[in-house]
Amino acid sequence: MPQSLSKVIIHIIFSAKNREGWLDSDVRPRMHAYLATVCRNLGAELVRVGGVTDHVDIVTTLPRTVSQADFIEEIEKASSKWI
């Protein structure tokens, strides 16, 4: 029986509004841990979450059940609500 395999790795970068430095050193690790959980809950295999005070970098696989636009929208929505 044939099967379809795919593994799309994406690098997502998004910043705070007006590139303001909301993510200081005490908030950043908690935000990164939260975003890692959001990615895993959406079915992605997380590779790395990082960033600095004004932006977040995420390297992850794209789940087969979610479009790229919907995936990024969910991550950005969750991070905005968390902040």
C-alpha atoms as a PDB file:
ATOM      1  CA  MET A   1       0.000   0.000   0.000  1.00  0.00           C
ATOM      2  CA  PRO A   2       1.511   3.386  -0.967  1.00  0.00           C
ATOM      3  CA  GLN A   3       1.979   6.048   1.637  1.00  0.00           C
ATOM      4  CA  SER A   4       2.837   9.701   1.513  1.00  0.00           C
ATOM      5  CA  LEU A   5       5.626  11.085   3.666  1.00  0.00           C
ATOM      6  CA  SER A   6       6.559  14.699   4.124  1.00  0.00           C
ATOM      7  CA  LYS A   7       8.618  16.736   6.525  1.00  0.00           C
ATOM      8  CA  VAL A   8       8.599  20.470   6.013  1.00  0.00           C
ATOM      9  CA  ILE A   9      10.896  22.417   8.328  1.00  0.00           C
ATOM     10  CA  ILE A  10      10.054  26.093   8.730  1.00  0.00           C
ATOM     11  CA  HIS A  11      11.804  28.994  10.410  1.00  0.00           C
ATOM     12  CA  ILE A  12       9.298  31.475  11.824  1.00  0.00           C
ATOM     13  CA  ILE A  13      10.347  34.942  12.945  1.00  0.00           C
ATOM     14  CA  PHE A  14       7.898  37.447  14.333  1.00  0.00           C
ATOM     15  CA  SER A  15       8.403  40.617  16.310  1.00  0.00           C
ATOM     16  CA  ALA A  16       6.587  42.648  18.902  1.00  0.00           C
ATOM     17  CA  LYS A  17       4.563  45.609  17.710  1.00  0.00           C
ATOM     18  CA  ASN A  18       6.896  48.415  16.606  1.00  0.00           C
ATOM     19  CA  ARG A  19       9.818  46.085  17.497  1.00  0.00           C
ATOM     20  CA  GLU A  20       9.455  47.096  21.154  1.00  0.00           C
ATOM     21  CA  GLY A  21      11.518  45.077  23.629  1.00  0.00           C
ATOM     22  CA  TRP A  22       8.773  43.267  25.569  1.00  0.00           C
ATOM     23  CA  LEU A  23      10.762  40.090  26.092  1.00  0.00           C
ATOM     24  CA  ASP A  24      13.317  40.946  28.744  1.00  0.00           C
ATOM     25  CA  SER A  25      15.557  38.243  30.193  1.00  0.00           C
ATOM     26  CA  ASP A  26      13.138  37.109  32.931  1.00  0.00           C
ATOM     27  CA  VAL A  27      10.083  36.802  30.609  1.00  0.00           C
ATOM     28  CA  ARG A  28      11.853  35.286  27.583  1.00  0.00           C
ATOM     29  CA  PRO A  29      12.420  31.715  28.910  1.00  0.00           C
ATOM     30  CA  ARG A  30       8.782  31.405  30.005  1.00  0.00           C
ATOM     31  CA  MET A  31       7.538  32.718  26.653  1.00  0.00           C
ATOM     32  CA  HIS A  32       9.787  30.299  24.758  1.00  0.00           C
ATOM     33  CA  ALA A  33       8.592  27.362  26.858  1.00  0.00           C
ATOM     34  CA  TYR A  34       4.976  28.369  26.265  1.00  0.00           C
ATOM     35  CA  LEU A  35       5.492  28.642  22.495  1.00  0.00           C
ATOM     36  CA  ALA A  36       7.177  25.235  22.470  1.00  0.00           C
ATOM     37  CA  THR A  37       4.080  23.771  24.119  1.00  0.00           C
ATOM     38  CA  VAL A  38       1.789  25.510  21.618  1.00  0.00           C
ATOM     39  CA  CYS A  39       3.778  24.054  18.703  1.00  0.00           C
ATOM     40  CA  ARG A  40       3.676  20.553  20.163  1.00  0.00           C
ATOM     41  CA  ASN A  41      -0.073  20.825  20.829  1.00  0.00           C
ATOM     42  CA  LEU A  42      -0.586  21.715  17.164  1.00  0.00           C
ATOM     43  CA  GLY A  43       1.258  18.522  16.165  1.00  0.00           C
ATOM     44  CA  ALA A  44       4.620  19.993  15.204  1.00  0.00           C
ATOM     45  CA  GLU A  45       8.039  18.582  16.044  1.00  0.00           C
ATOM     46  CA  LEU A  46       9.801  21.501  17.664  1.00  0.00           C
ATOM     47  CA  VAL A  47      13.482  21.969  16.845  1.00  0.00           C
ATOM     48  CA  ARG A  48      14.279  25.246  18.610  1.00  0.00           C
ATOM     49  CA  VAL A  49      12.641  28.347  20.111  1.00  0.00           C
ATOM     50  CA  GLY A  50      14.747  31.416  20.761  1.00  0.00           C
ATOM     51  CA  GLY A  51      14.985  35.116  20.207  1.00  0.00           C
ATOM     52  CA  VAL A  52      15.904  38.407  21.824  1.00  0.00           C
ATOM     53  CA  THR A  53      13.994  41.267  23.433  1.00  0.00           C
ATOM     54  CA  ASP A  54      12.130  42.356  20.289  1.00  0.00           C
ATOM     55  CA  HIS A  55      11.491  39.141  18.341  1.00  0.00           C
ATOM     56  CA  VAL A  56      11.000  35.377  18.554  1.00  0.00           C
ATOM     57  CA  ASP A  57      12.574  32.697  16.328  1.00  0.00           C
ATOM     58  CA  ILE A  58      10.983  29.256  16.011  1.00  0.00           C
ATOM     59  CA  VAL A  59      12.365  26.347  13.990  1.00  0.00           C
ATOM     60  CA  THR A  60       9.847  23.544  13.737  1.00  0.00           C
ATOM     61  CA  THR A  61       8.231  21.088  11.381  1.00  0.00           C
ATOM     62  CA  LEU A  62       4.941  21.943   9.762  1.00  0.00           C
ATOM     63  CA  PRO A  63       2.170  19.567  10.865  1.00  0.00           C
ATOM     64  CA  ARG A  64       0.481  17.772   7.954  1.00  0.00           C
ATOM     65  CA  THR A  65      -2.985  18.696   9.235  1.00  0.00           C
ATOM     66  CA  VAL A  66      -2.496  22.491   9.439  1.00  0.00           C
ATOM     67  CA  SER A  67      -1.687  25.000   6.709  1.00  0.00           C
ATOM     68  CA  GLN A  68       1.374  27.183   7.144  1.00  0.00           C
ATOM     69  CA  ALA A  69      -0.752  30.327   7.480  1.00  0.00           C
ATOM     70  CA  ASP A  70      -3.035  28.764  10.111  1.00  0.00           C
ATOM     71  CA  PHE A  71      -0.058  27.382  12.026  1.00  0.00           C
ATOM     72  CA  ILE A  72       1.668  30.769  12.240  1.00  0.00           C
ATOM     73  CA  GLU A  73      -1.614  32.501  13.058  1.00  0.00           C
ATOM     74  CA  GLU A  74      -2.192  30.156  16.014  1.00  0.00           C
ATOM     75  CA  ILE A  75       1.341  30.705  17.333  1.00  0.00           C
ATOM     76  CA  GLU A  76       1.110  34.501  17.062  1.00  0.00           C
ATOM     77  CA  LYS A  77      -2.359  34.543  18.612  1.00  0.00           C
ATOM     78  CA  ALA A  78      -1.221  32.412  21.550  1.00  0.00           C
ATOM     79  CA  SER A  79       1.857  34.563  22.174  1.00  0.00           C
ATOM     80  CA  SER A  80      -0.170  37.782  22.103  1.00  0.00           C
ATOM     81  CA  LYS A  81      -2.670  36.412  24.611  1.00  0.00           C
ATOM     82  CA  TRP A  82       0.148  35.161  26.840  1.00  0.00           C
ATOM     83  CA  ILE A  83       1.832  38.577  26.959  1.00  0.00           C
END
